[in-house]
Amino acid sequence: MTIWIDGSLRAGPDARVSAFDHGLTVGDGVFETLKAVDGRPFALTRHLDRLAGSARGLGLPEPDRDEVRRACAAVLAAGPAPLALLRITYTGGIAPLGSARGDGRPTLVVALAESPRRPDTTAAVTVPWTRNERGALAGLKTTSYAENVVALARAREQGATEALFANTTGALCEGTGSNVFVVLDGELHTPPLASGCLAGITRALVAEWTGAHETELPLDVLDRAEEVFLTSTLRDVQALRSVDGRTLPGAPGPVAAKAMRIFDERSAADNDP
């Protein structure tokens, strides 16, 4: 594996960051993951926009977009694959131990990993922990992901691949690394950004291309929805066949199947929509 770190490509064993990097010591960093198909990154401009927004929200200087694009191109050229996950990580750089930042420049890491295609359906569970829609990190894609690690481990213990959160008001919010859509009376809905969910790139495209409604929904909507599906960078559109053990027969249902078809067609026609 070849990885870009702070201006140069390095072989996997030589790709290291300092033990004092603030992203490592306190999770002071932001990141993006995007899929690459045959060496071409998907929706790179949107991802760079969100990376910059997350950096601003965390108080980091905005990354140099030209440098990030060069890094992505170099890593993709060094490791072509039919389907891959491209990860851009941008941290506060070297700092003293503790929460205060240092005076060094931020760290930029870009890495690539080959990925299999996801199945059309999967299972999810809800978890007892909540997203804080009023927290300092709400809506930011930061490297502070331990909460997601714990929730995803709970899901996998129950034979699922995703854990779904409510927010502090009991409204449906998001998954550990996905957004959620539900079908009610044939209509497609997804939680609004005010719920505290991440502004997913795939979420935005699916909502735009299908006309889905942004609707505040209680968590128990999952008990009565006709269809439920997830969206994310590598899932694209993935239907849920069960939620907390409740079977959703016929998954993917007609609305999810249509969303899958639209997303496949539109994304294939334009790799940077």
Foldseek 3Di string as FASTA:
>chain_A
DWKDKDHDIDPPVPDDADPQFCCNQPQAKFKDKFKAAQLRTFQVVVRLVQRQVLCVLSVHHRDDVVSVVVRSNVQSVVDGDRMKIKMWMKGLGGAPRDDDGDDDHIMIMIHMDHDDADDQEWAEEEDPDAAELPDSNQQHRTSPLVVLVVQQVVGVVVRTRWYWHFHPVQWTEQISAWFKWFADPNAIEGADSSRRHHPAPLVVVLCVQVVHYHDTGGPCVLVPTLWMWIDHNRNSTHTYQYYNRRGNPPPVDPVSVVSVVRSVVVCVVPRND
